[in-house]
């Protein structure tokens, strides 16, 4: 009788463990549509401020007008003298993805 109780306990433990194992492969996280522009924003900011370290990054959003799109980012930088923010707006042709311009604006907030 003792062996039957132990066997049932073992079976219940195995069953519980098996039912909690996820089946299949979890979906891979999607790459956001702005990722390519975020990489460019970081690269160009590093080039414009070579002595500063980028310590934070935020995608603010995008704005589409007619046939152009503006991807908006805010990067927070730190150098030897100060910490400051830089708004980076990247304007490109919506259909082709051709870069039109990159604007930088410093802020203390």
PDB file of N, CA and C in Angstrom:
ATOM      1  N   UNK A   1       0.824  -1.189   0.000  1.00  0.00           N
ATOM      2  CA  UNK A   1       0.000   0.000   0.000  1.00  0.00           C
ATOM      3  C   UNK A   1       0.874   1.262   0.000  1.00  0.00           C
ATOM      4  N   UNK A   2       1.931   1.224   0.787  1.00  0.00           N
ATOM      5  CA  UNK A   2       2.841   2.354   0.862  1.00  0.00           C
ATOM      6  C   UNK A   2       3.468   2.636  -0.509  1.00  0.00           C
ATOM      7  N   UNK A   3       3.792   1.570  -1.256  1.00  0.00           N
ATOM      8  CA  UNK A   3       4.391   1.729  -2.583  1.00  0.00           C
ATOM      9  C   UNK A   3       3.401   2.352  -3.564  1.00  0.00           C
ATOM     10  N   UNK A   4       2.140   2.023  -3.452  1.00  0.00           N
ATOM     11  CA  UNK A   4       1.111   2.585  -4.344  1.00  0.00           C
ATOM     12  C   UNK A   4       0.958   4.079  -4.088  1.00  0.00           C
ATOM     13  N   UNK A   5       0.941   4.498  -2.845  1.00  0.00           N
ATOM     14  CA  UNK A   5       0.825   5.912  -2.495  1.00  0.00           C
ATOM     15  C   UNK A   5       2.036   6.683  -3.015  1.00  0.00           C
ATOM     16  N   UNK A   6       3.217   6.111  -2.872  1.00  0.00           N
ATOM     17  CA  UNK A   6       4.423   6.768  -3.361  1.00  0.00           C
ATOM     18  C   UNK A   6       4.405   6.857  -4.888  1.00  0.00           C
ATOM     19  N   UNK A   7       3.942   5.813  -5.548  1.00  0.00           N
ATOM     20  CA  UNK A   7       3.880   5.815  -7.008  1.00  0.00           C
ATOM     21  C   UNK A   7       2.881   6.860  -7.494  1.00  0.00           C
ATOM     22  N   UNK A   8       1.724   6.954  -6.842  1.00  0.00           N
ATOM     23  CA  UNK A   8       0.732   7.965  -7.209  1.00  0.00           C
ATOM     24  C   UNK A   8       1.279   9.368  -6.988  1.00  0.00           C
ATOM     25  N   UNK A   9       1.976   9.577  -5.900  1.00  0.00           N
ATOM     26  CA  UNK A   9       2.580  10.879  -5.631  1.00  0.00           C
ATOM     27  C   UNK A   9       3.603  11.237  -6.698  1.00  0.00           C
ATOM     28  N   UNK A  10       4.405  10.269  -7.093  1.00  0.00           N
ATOM     29  CA  UNK A  10       5.404  10.493  -8.135  1.00  0.00           C
ATOM     30  C   UNK A  10       4.728  10.804  -9.462  1.00  0.00           C
ATOM     31  N   UNK A  11       3.701  10.067  -9.819  1.00  0.00           N
ATOM     32  CA  UNK A  11       2.970  10.314 -11.062  1.00  0.00           C
ATOM     33  C   UNK A  11       2.333  11.699 -11.066  1.00  0.00           C
ATOM     34  N   UNK A  12       1.763  12.095  -9.945  1.00  0.00           N
ATOM     35  CA  UNK A  12       1.137  13.414  -9.861  1.00  0.00           C
ATOM     36  C   UNK A  12       2.186  14.519 -10.007  1.00  0.00           C
ATOM     37  N   UNK A  13       3.359  14.311  -9.439  1.00  0.00           N
ATOM     38  CA  UNK A  13       4.432  15.297  -9.560  1.00  0.00           C
ATOM     39  C   UNK A  13       4.890  15.422 -11.003  1.00  0.00           C
ATOM     40  N   UNK A  14       5.069  14.293 -11.668  1.00  0.00           N
ATOM     41  CA  UNK A  14       5.494  14.310 -13.070  1.00  0.00           C
ATOM     42  C   UNK A  14       4.418  14.951 -13.933  1.00  0.00           C
ATOM     43  N   UNK A  15       3.155  14.590 -13.710  1.00  0.00           N
ATOM     44  CA  UNK A  15       2.053  15.164 -14.495  1.00  0.00           C
ATOM     45  C   UNK A  15       1.995  16.685 -14.324  1.00  0.00           C
ATOM     46  N   UNK A  16       2.136  17.146 -13.084  1.00  0.00           N
ATOM     47  CA  UNK A  16       2.114  18.580 -12.814  1.00  0.00           C
ATOM     48  C   UNK A  16       3.271  19.273 -13.522  1.00  0.00           C
ATOM     49  N   UNK A  17       4.443  18.688 -13.488  1.00  0.00           N
ATOM     50  CA  UNK A  17       5.608  19.285 -14.154  1.00  0.00           C
ATOM     51  C   UNK A  17       5.407  19.317 -15.664  1.00  0.00           C
ATOM     52  N   UNK A  18       4.859  18.251 -16.226  1.00  0.00           N
ATOM     53  CA  UNK A  18       4.660  18.189 -17.682  1.00  0.00           C
ATOM     54  C   UNK A  18       3.614  19.199 -18.141  1.00  0.00           C
ATOM     55  N   UNK A  19       2.557  19.369 -17.401  1.00  0.00           N
ATOM     56  CA  UNK A  19       1.493  20.287 -17.825  1.00  0.00           C
ATOM     57  C   UNK A  19       1.919  21.738 -17.755  1.00  0.00           C
ATOM     58  N   UNK A  20       3.006  22.044 -17.059  1.00  0.00           N
ATOM     59  CA  UNK A  20       3.492  23.413 -16.962  1.00  0.00           C
ATOM     60  C   UNK A  20       4.617  23.721 -17.954  1.00  0.00           C
ATOM     61  N   UNK A  21       4.986  22.762 -18.782  1.00  0.00           N
ATOM     62  CA  UNK A  21       6.011  22.984 -19.793  1.00  0.00           C
ATOM     63  C   UNK A  21       5.347  23.616 -21.006  1.00  0.00           C
ATOM     64  N   UNK A  22       5.816  24.790 -21.454  1.00  0.00           N
ATOM     65  CA  UNK A  22       5.218  25.414 -22.629  1.00  0.00           C
ATOM     66  C   UNK A  22       5.493  24.587 -23.881  1.00  0.00           C
ATOM     67  N   UNK A  23       4.495  24.465 -24.702  1.00  0.00           N
ATOM     68  CA  UNK A  23       4.637  23.703 -25.936  1.00  0.00           C
ATOM     69  C   UNK A  23       4.858  24.675 -27.079  1.00  0.00           C
ATOM     70  N   UNK A  24       5.801  24.366 -27.934  1.00  0.00           N
ATOM     71  CA  UNK A  24       6.094  25.239 -29.073  1.00  0.00           C
ATOM     72  C   UNK A  24       7.153  26.263 -28.712  1.00  0.00           C
ATOM     73  N   UNK A  25       7.536  27.014 -29.694  1.00  0.00           N
ATOM     74  CA  UNK A  25       8.562  28.035 -29.521  1.00  0.00           C
ATOM     75  C   UNK A  25       7.869  29.379 -29.349  1.00  0.00           C
ATOM     76  N   UNK A  26       8.253  30.158 -28.336  1.00  0.00           N
ATOM     77  CA  UNK A  26       7.610  31.463 -28.162  1.00  0.00           C
ATOM     78  C   UNK A  26       7.906  32.378 -29.348  1.00  0.00           C
ATOM     79  N   UNK A  27       6.959  33.241 -29.656  1.00  0.00           N
ATOM     80  CA  UNK A  27       7.123  34.174 -30.769  1.00  0.00           C
ATOM     81  C   UNK A  27       8.283  35.115 -30.492  1.00  0.00           C
ATOM     82  N   UNK A  28       9.030  35.389 -31.543  1.00  0.00           N
ATOM     83  CA  UNK A  28      10.162  36.297 -31.415  1.00  0.00           C
ATOM     84  C   UNK A  28       9.646  37.728 -31.386  1.00  0.00           C
ATOM     85  N   UNK A  29      10.263  38.563 -30.583  1.00  0.00           N
ATOM     86  CA  UNK A  29       9.843  39.962 -30.495  1.00  0.00           C
ATOM     87  C   UNK A  29      10.051  40.645 -31.841  1.00  0.00           C
ATOM     88  N   UNK A  30       9.085  41.455 -32.237  1.00  0.00           N
ATOM     89  CA  UNK A  30       9.181  42.164 -33.500  1.00  0.00           C
ATOM     90  C   UNK A  30      10.138  43.340 -33.374  1.00  0.00           C
ATOM     91  N   UNK A  31      10.836  43.620 -34.462  1.00  0.00           N
ATOM     92  CA  UNK A  31      11.712  44.782 -34.515  1.00  0.00           C
ATOM     93  C   UNK A  31      10.840  45.972 -34.868  1.00  0.00           C
ATOM     94  N   UNK A  32      10.892  47.034 -34.055  1.00  0.00           N
ATOM     95  CA  UNK A  32      10.045  48.193 -34.336  1.00  0.00           C
ATOM     96  C   UNK A  32      10.427  48.848 -35.667  1.00  0.00           C
ATOM     97  N   UNK A  33       9.453  49.464 -36.310  1.00  0.00           N
ATOM     98  CA  UNK A  33       9.676  50.092 -37.617  1.00  0.00           C
ATOM     99  C   UNK A  33      10.673  51.240 -37.549  1.00  0.00           C
ATOM    100  N   UNK A  34      10.825  51.843 -36.392  1.00  0.00           N
ATOM    101  CA  UNK A  34      11.733  52.982 -36.242  1.00  0.00           C
ATOM    102  C   UNK A  34      13.161  52.554 -35.887  1.00  0.00           C
ATOM    103  N   UNK A  35      13.432  51.274 -35.742  1.00  0.00           N
ATOM    104  CA  UNK A  35      14.740  50.808 -35.266  1.00  0.00           C
ATOM    105  C   UNK A  35      15.886  51.303 -36.139  1.00  0.00           C
ATOM    106  N   UNK A  36      15.704  51.229 -37.446  1.00  0.00           N
ATOM    107  CA  UNK A  36      16.752  51.676 -38.370  1.00  0.00           C
ATOM    108  C   UNK A  36      17.068  53.159 -38.149  1.00  0.00           C
ATOM    109  N   UNK A  37      16.034  53.941 -37.907  1.00  0.00           N
ATOM    110  CA  UNK A  37      16.226  55.379 -37.701  1.00  0.00           C
ATOM    111  C   UNK A  37      16.818  55.663 -36.332  1.00  0.00           C
ATOM    112  N   UNK A  38      16.509  54.835 -35.350  1.00  0.00           N
ATOM    113  CA  UNK A  38      17.100  54.979 -34.026  1.00  0.00           C
ATOM    114  C   UNK A  38      18.602  54.736 -34.054  1.00  0.00           C
ATOM    115  N   UNK A  39      19.021  53.734 -34.825  1.00  0.00           N
ATOM    116  CA  UNK A  39      20.445  53.461 -34.977  1.00  0.00           C
ATOM    117  C   UNK A  39      21.133  54.670 -35.610  1.00  0.00           C
ATOM    118  N   UNK A  40      20.495  55.242 -36.627  1.00  0.00           N
ATOM    119  CA  UNK A  40      21.056  56.417 -37.292  1.00  0.00           C
ATOM    120  C   UNK A  40      21.111  57.612 -36.336  1.00  0.00           C
ATOM    121  N   UNK A  41      20.068  57.802 -35.535  1.00  0.00           N
ATOM    122  CA  UNK A  41      20.046  58.912 -34.574  1.00  0.00           C
ATOM    123  C   UNK A  41      21.207  58.798 -33.590  1.00  0.00           C
ATOM    124  N   UNK A  42      21.453  57.609 -33.090  1.00  0.00           N
ATOM    125  CA  UNK A  42      22.555  57.396 -32.148  1.00  0.00           C
ATOM    126  C   UNK A  42      23.894  57.634 -32.843  1.00  0.00           C
ATOM    127  N   UNK A  43      24.051  57.082 -34.036  1.00  0.00           N
ATOM    128  CA  UNK A  43      25.313  57.225 -34.775  1.00  0.00           C
ATOM    129  C   UNK A  43      25.629  58.696 -35.057  1.00  0.00           C
ATOM    130  N   UNK A  44      24.646  59.434 -35.546  1.00  0.00           N
ATOM    131  CA  UNK A  44      24.868  60.837 -35.888  1.00  0.00           C
ATOM    132  C   UNK A  44      25.072  61.700 -34.645  1.00  0.00           C
ATOM    133  N   UNK A  45      24.410  61.349 -33.549  1.00  0.00           N
ATOM    134  CA  UNK A  45      24.599  62.088 -32.301  1.00  0.00           C
ATOM    135  C   UNK A  45      26.008  61.865 -31.765  1.00  0.00           C
ATOM    136  N   UNK A  46      26.496  60.634 -31.847  1.00  0.00           N
ATOM    137  CA  UNK A  46      27.876  60.356 -31.419  1.00  0.00           C
ATOM    138  C   UNK A  46      28.867  61.152 -32.254  1.00  0.00           C
ATOM    139  N   UNK A  47      28.575  61.280 -33.543  1.00  0.00           N
ATOM    140  CA  UNK A  47      29.466  62.031 -34.428  1.00  0.00           C
ATOM    141  C   UNK A  47      29.433  63.527 -34.096  1.00  0.00           C
ATOM    142  N   UNK A  48      28.246  64.043 -33.802  1.00  0.00           N
ATOM    143  CA  UNK A  48      28.101  65.471 -33.507  1.00  0.00           C
ATOM    144  C   UNK A  48      28.663  65.826 -32.124  1.00  0.00           C
ATOM    145  N   UNK A  49      28.553  64.903 -31.171  1.00  0.00           N
ATOM    146  CA  UNK A  49      29.029  65.125 -29.797  1.00  0.00           C
ATOM    147  C   UNK A  49      30.023  64.016 -29.428  1.00  0.00           C
ATOM    148  N   UNK A  50      31.216  64.029 -30.007  1.00  0.00           N
ATOM    149  CA  UNK A  50      32.154  62.914 -29.810  1.00  0.00           C
ATOM    150  C   UNK A  50      32.690  62.774 -28.383  1.00  0.00           C
ATOM    151  N   UNK A  51      32.655  63.834 -27.594  1.00  0.00           N
ATOM    152  CA  UNK A  51      33.173  63.767 -26.228  1.00  0.00           C
ATOM    153  C   UNK A  51      32.115  63.387 -25.197  1.00  0.00           C
ATOM    154  N   UNK A  52      30.881  63.217 -25.641  1.00  0.00           N
ATOM    155  CA  UNK A  52      29.784  62.897 -24.718  1.00  0.00           C
ATOM    156  C   UNK A  52      29.397  61.422 -24.838  1.00  0.00           C
ATOM    157  N   UNK A  53      28.933  60.887 -23.712  1.00  0.00           N
ATOM    158  CA  UNK A  53      28.406  59.521 -23.703  1.00  0.00           C
ATOM    159  C   UNK A  53      26.889  59.593 -23.764  1.00  0.00           C
ATOM    160  N   UNK A  54      26.283  58.748 -24.564  1.00  0.00           N
ATOM    161  CA  UNK A  54      24.820  58.656 -24.599  1.00  0.00           C
ATOM    162  C   UNK A  54      24.413  57.734 -23.455  1.00  0.00           C
ATOM    163  N   UNK A  55      23.620  58.283 -22.523  1.00  0.00           N
ATOM    164  CA  UNK A  55      23.247  57.498 -21.348  1.00  0.00           C
ATOM    165  C   UNK A  55      21.768  57.110 -21.347  1.00  0.00           C
ATOM    166  N   UNK A  56      20.982  57.666 -22.271  1.00  0.00           N
ATOM    167  CA  UNK A  56      19.572  57.274 -22.356  1.00  0.00           C
ATOM    168  C   UNK A  56      19.058  57.562 -23.761  1.00  0.00           C
ATOM    169  N   UNK A  57      18.010  56.843 -24.138  1.00  0.00           N
ATOM    170  CA  UNK A  57      17.471  56.908 -25.491  1.00  0.00           C
ATOM    171  C   UNK A  57      15.950  56.745 -25.405  1.00  0.00           C
ATOM    172  N   UNK A  58      15.226  57.564 -26.141  1.00  0.00           N
ATOM    173  CA  UNK A  58      13.768  57.468 -26.156  1.00  0.00           C
ATOM    174  C   UNK A  58      13.251  57.729 -27.559  1.00  0.00           C
ATOM    175  N   UNK A  59      12.394  56.855 -28.053  1.00  0.00           N
ATOM    176  CA  UNK A  59      11.689  57.124 -29.310  1.00  0.00           C
ATOM    177  C   UNK A  59      10.412  57.852 -28.923  1.00  0.00           C
ATOM    178  N   UNK A  60      10.290  59.085 -29.368  1.00  0.00           N
ATOM    179  CA  UNK A  60       9.136  59.908 -29.008  1.00  0.00           C
ATOM    180  C   UNK A  60       7.924  59.551 -29.863  1.00  0.00           C
ATOM    181  N   UNK A  61       8.165  59.301 -31.137  1.00  0.00           N
ATOM    182  CA  UNK A  61       7.076  58.961 -32.037  1.00  0.00           C
ATOM    183  C   UNK A  61       7.407  59.378 -33.453  1.00  0.00           C
ATOM    184  N   UNK A  62       6.412  59.259 -34.318  1.00  0.00           N
ATOM    185  CA  UNK A  62       6.621  59.654 -35.704  1.00  0.00           C
ATOM    186  C   UNK A  62       5.457  60.507 -36.167  1.00  0.00           C
ATOM    187  N   UNK A  63       5.731  61.258 -37.207  1.00  0.00           N
ATOM    188  CA  UNK A  63       4.734  62.172 -37.762  1.00  0.00           C
ATOM    189  C   UNK A  63       4.846  62.085 -39.290  1.00  0.00           C
ATOM    190  N   UNK A  64       3.733  61.780 -39.942  1.00  0.00           N
ATOM    191  CA  UNK A  64       3.737  61.681 -41.397  1.00  0.00           C
ATOM    192  C   UNK A  64       2.900  62.807 -41.980  1.00  0.00           C
ATOM    193  N   UNK A  65       3.494  63.516 -42.938  1.00  0.00           N
ATOM    194  CA  UNK A  65       2.808  64.587 -43.657  1.00  0.00           C
ATOM    195  C   UNK A  65       3.084  64.397 -45.139  1.00  0.00           C
ATOM    196  N   UNK A  66       2.030  64.376 -45.921  1.00  0.00           N
ATOM    197  CA  UNK A  66       2.148  64.175 -47.363  1.00  0.00           C
ATOM    198  C   UNK A  66       2.989  62.926 -47.629  1.00  0.00           C
ATOM    199  N   UNK A  67       4.140  63.075 -48.253  1.00  0.00           N
ATOM    200  CA  UNK A  67       4.955  61.903 -48.573  1.00  0.00           C
ATOM    201  C   UNK A  67       6.263  61.846 -47.783  1.00  0.00           C
ATOM    202  N   UNK A  68       6.304  62.543 -46.633  1.00  0.00           N
ATOM    203  CA  UNK A  68       7.480  62.462 -45.765  1.00  0.00           C
ATOM    204  C   UNK A  68       7.079  62.040 -44.357  1.00  0.00           C
ATOM    205  N   UNK A  69       8.021  61.432 -43.679  1.00  0.00           N
ATOM    206  CA  UNK A  69       7.830  61.014 -42.284  1.00  0.00           C
ATOM    207  C   UNK A  69       8.975  61.571 -41.462  1.00  0.00           C
ATOM    208  N   UNK A  70       8.656  61.976 -40.232  1.00  0.00           N
ATOM    209  CA  UNK A  70       9.670  62.427 -39.284  1.00  0.00           C
ATOM    210  C   UNK A  70       9.638  61.465 -38.097  1.00  0.00           C
ATOM    211  N   UNK A  71      10.774  60.808 -37.853  1.00  0.00           N
ATOM    212  CA  UNK A  71      10.927  59.981 -36.653  1.00  0.00           C
ATOM    213  C   UNK A  71      11.606  60.860 -35.618  1.00  0.00           C
ATOM    214  N   UNK A  72      11.044  60.878 -34.397  1.00  0.00           N
ATOM    215  CA  UNK A  72      11.514  61.776 -33.342  1.00  0.00           C
ATOM    216  C   UNK A  72      12.098  60.977 -32.172  1.00  0.00           C
ATOM    217  N   UNK A  73      13.295  61.400 -31.758  1.00  0.00           N
ATOM    218  CA  UNK A  73      14.008  60.738 -30.672  1.00  0.00           C
ATOM    219  C   UNK A  73      14.522  61.780 -29.685  1.00  0.00           C
ATOM    220  N   UNK A  74      14.720  61.339 -28.446  1.00  0.00           N
ATOM    221  CA  UNK A  74      15.397  62.172 -27.458  1.00  0.00           C
ATOM    222  C   UNK A  74      16.502  61.320 -26.849  1.00  0.00           C
ATOM    223  N   UNK A  75      17.712  61.845 -26.928  1.00  0.00           N
ATOM    224  CA  UNK A  75      18.856  61.173 -26.342  1.00  0.00           C
ATOM    225  C   UNK A  75      19.379  62.025 -25.197  1.00  0.00           C
ATOM    226  N   UNK A  76      19.811  61.370 -24.133  1.00  0.00           N
ATOM    227  CA  UNK A  76      20.369  62.082 -22.987  1.00  0.00           C
ATOM    228  C   UNK A  76      21.859  61.807 -22.980  1.00  0.00           C
ATOM    229  N   UNK A  77      22.642  62.880 -22.929  1.00  0.00           N
ATOM    230  CA  UNK A  77      24.088  62.782 -23.024  1.00  0.00           C
ATOM    231  C   UNK A  77      24.765  63.327 -21.777  1.00  0.00           C
ATOM    232  N   UNK A  78      25.997  62.879 -21.565  1.00  0.00           N
ATOM    233  CA  UNK A  78      26.787  63.368 -20.436  1.00  0.00           C
ATOM    234  C   UNK A  78      28.226  63.509 -20.909  1.00  0.00           C
ATOM    235  N   UNK A  79      28.794  64.686 -20.642  1.00  0.00           N
ATOM    236  CA  UNK A  79      30.214  64.888 -20.906  1.00  0.00           C
ATOM    237  C   UNK A  79      30.888  65.327 -19.612  1.00  0.00           C
ATOM    238  N   UNK A  80      32.104  65.825 -19.691  1.00  0.00           N
ATOM    239  CA  UNK A  80      32.853  66.213 -18.486  1.00  0.00           C
ATOM    240  C   UNK A  80      32.220  67.376 -17.732  1.00  0.00           C
ATOM    241  N   UNK A  81      31.478  68.209 -18.435  1.00  0.00           N
ATOM    242  CA  UNK A  81      30.944  69.434 -17.829  1.00  0.00           C
ATOM    243  C   UNK A  81      29.471  69.366 -17.453  1.00  0.00           C
ATOM    244  N   UNK A  82      28.673  68.579 -18.174  1.00  0.00           N
ATOM    245  CA  UNK A  82      27.223  68.665 -17.973  1.00  0.00           C
ATOM    246  C   UNK A  82      26.494  67.429 -18.499  1.00  0.00           C
ATOM    247  N   UNK A  83      25.221  67.356 -18.126  1.00  0.00           N
ATOM    248  CA  UNK A  83      24.286  66.408 -18.721  1.00  0.00           C
ATOM    249  C   UNK A  83      23.265  67.219 -19.484  1.00  0.00           C
ATOM    250  N   UNK A  84      22.862  66.716 -20.649  1.00  0.00           N
ATOM    251  CA  UNK A  84      21.909  67.455 -21.460  1.00  0.00           C
ATOM    252  C   UNK A  84      21.193  66.507 -22.418  1.00  0.00           C
ATOM    253  N   UNK A  85      20.054  66.972 -22.903  1.00  0.00           N
ATOM    254  CA  UNK A  85      19.287  66.206 -23.854  1.00  0.00           C
ATOM    255  C   UNK A  85      19.474  66.740 -25.263  1.00  0.00           C
ATOM    256  N   UNK A  86      19.260  65.864 -26.213  1.00  0.00           N
ATOM    257  CA  UNK A  86      19.291  66.257 -27.619  1.00  0.00           C
ATOM    258  C   UNK A  86      18.078  65.621 -28.304  1.00  0.00           C
ATOM    259  N   UNK A  87      17.223  66.486 -28.846  1.00  0.00           N
ATOM    260  CA  UNK A  87      16.127  65.998 -29.671  1.00  0.00           C
ATOM    261  C   UNK A  87      16.683  65.779 -31.067  1.00  0.00           C
ATOM    262  N   UNK A  88      16.423  64.605 -31.630  1.00  0.00           N
ATOM    263  CA  UNK A  88      16.889  64.281 -32.972  1.00  0.00           C
ATOM    264  C   UNK A  88      15.654  63.964 -33.809  1.00  0.00           C
ATOM    265  N   UNK A  89      15.447  64.757 -34.859  1.00  0.00           N
ATOM    266  CA  UNK A  89      14.343  64.529 -35.791  1.00  0.00           C
ATOM    267  C   UNK A  89      14.920  64.103 -37.127  1.00  0.00           C
ATOM    268  N   UNK A  90      14.511  62.944 -37.587  1.00  0.00           N
ATOM    269  CA  UNK A  90      14.999  62.412 -38.853  1.00  0.00           C
ATOM    270  C   UNK A  90      13.852  62.438 -39.855  1.00  0.00           C
ATOM    271  N   UNK A  91      14.031  63.192 -40.928  1.00  0.00           N
ATOM    272  CA  UNK A  91      13.009  63.329 -41.963  1.00  0.00           C
ATOM    273  C   UNK A  91      13.427  62.493 -43.164  1.00  0.00           C
ATOM    274  N   UNK A  92      12.475  61.701 -43.669  1.00  0.00           N
ATOM    275  CA  UNK A  92      12.754  60.847 -44.818  1.00  0.00           C
ATOM    276  C   UNK A  92      11.505  60.689 -45.678  1.00  0.00           C
ATOM    277  N   UNK A  93      11.707  60.261 -46.920  1.00  0.00           N
ATOM    278  CA  UNK A  93      10.601  59.992 -47.827  1.00  0.00           C
ATOM    279  C   UNK A  93       9.917  58.706 -47.375  1.00  0.00           C
ATOM    280  N   UNK A  94       8.620  58.776 -47.149  1.00  0.00           N
ATOM    281  CA  UNK A  94       7.891  57.649 -46.582  1.00  0.00           C
ATOM    282  C   UNK A  94       7.980  56.399 -47.452  1.00  0.00           C
ATOM    283  N   UNK A  95       7.749  56.513 -48.730  1.00  0.00           N
ATOM    284  CA  UNK A  95       7.724  55.333 -49.607  1.00  0.00           C
ATOM    285  C   UNK A  95       9.086  54.706 -49.821  1.00  0.00           C
ATOM    286  N   UNK A  96      10.104  55.524 -50.045  1.00  0.00           N
ATOM    287  CA  UNK A  96      11.419  54.990 -50.408  1.00  0.00           C
ATOM    288  C   UNK A  96      12.369  54.868 -49.231  1.00  0.00           C
ATOM    289  N   UNK A  97      12.107  55.596 -48.147  1.00  0.00           N
ATOM    290  CA  UNK A  97      13.016  55.585 -47.005  1.00  0.00           C
ATOM    291  C   UNK A  97      14.258  56.423 -47.237  1.00  0.00           C
ATOM    292  N   UNK A  98      14.246  57.249 -48.269  1.00  0.00           N
ATOM    293  CA  UNK A  98      15.395  58.097 -48.578  1.00  0.00           C
ATOM    294  C   UNK A  98      15.501  59.219 -47.547  1.00  0.00           C
ATOM    295  N   UNK A  99      16.683  59.339 -46.951  1.00  0.00           N
ATOM    296  CA  UNK A  99      16.942  60.359 -45.935  1.00  0.00           C
ATOM    297  C   UNK A  99      16.878  61.745 -46.557  1.00  0.00           C
ATOM    298  N   UNK A 100      16.151  62.645 -45.905  1.00  0.00           N
ATOM    299  CA  UNK A 100      16.068  64.032 -46.358  1.00  0.00           C
ATOM    300  C   UNK A 100      16.942  64.917 -45.477  1.00  0.00           C
ATOM    301  N   UNK A 101      16.757  64.830 -44.145  1.00  0.00           N
ATOM    302  CA  UNK A 101      17.588  65.642 -43.256  1.00  0.00           C
ATOM    303  C   UNK A 101      17.505  65.119 -41.834  1.00  0.00           C
ATOM    304  N   UNK A 102      18.488  65.546 -41.024  1.00  0.00           N
ATOM    305  CA  UNK A 102      18.525  65.238 -39.602  1.00  0.00           C
ATOM    306  C   UNK A 102      18.691  66.553 -38.867  1.00  0.00           C
ATOM    307  N   UNK A 103      17.794  66.818 -37.920  1.00  0.00           N
ATOM    308  CA  UNK A 103      17.859  68.032 -37.110  1.00  0.00           C
ATOM    309  C   UNK A 103      18.174  67.662 -35.663  1.00  0.00           C
ATOM    310  N   UNK A 104      19.034  68.490 -35.026  1.00  0.00           N
ATOM    311  CA  UNK A 104      19.403  68.324 -33.623  1.00  0.00           C
ATOM    312  C   UNK A 104      18.988  69.571 -32.865  1.00  0.00           C
ATOM    313  N   UNK A 105      18.437  69.368 -31.663  1.00  0.00           N
ATOM    314  CA  UNK A 105      18.124  70.512 -30.808  1.00  0.00           C
ATOM    315  C   UNK A 105      18.447  70.119 -29.368  1.00  0.00           C
ATOM    316  N   UNK A 106      19.366  70.872 -28.756  1.00  0.00           N
ATOM    317  CA  UNK A 106      19.752  70.604 -27.377  1.00  0.00           C
ATOM    318  C   UNK A 106      18.680  71.114 -26.418  1.00  0.00           C
ATOM    319  N   UNK A 107      18.590  70.440 -25.270  1.00  0.00           N
ATOM    320  CA  UNK A 107      17.665  70.852 -24.213  1.00  0.00           C
ATOM    321  C   UNK A 107      18.300  70.515 -22.864  1.00  0.00           C
ATOM    322  N   UNK A 108      17.887  71.230 -21.836  1.00  0.00           N
ATOM    323  CA  UNK A 108      18.394  70.925 -20.493  1.00  0.00           C
ATOM    324  C   UNK A 108      17.407  70.053 -19.725  1.00  0.00           C
ATOM    325  N   UNK A 109      16.361  69.650 -20.373  1.00  0.00           N
ATOM    326  CA  UNK A 109      15.337  68.812 -19.726  1.00  0.00           C
ATOM    327  C   UNK A 109      15.236  67.481 -20.391  1.00  0.00           C
TER     328      UNK A 109
END
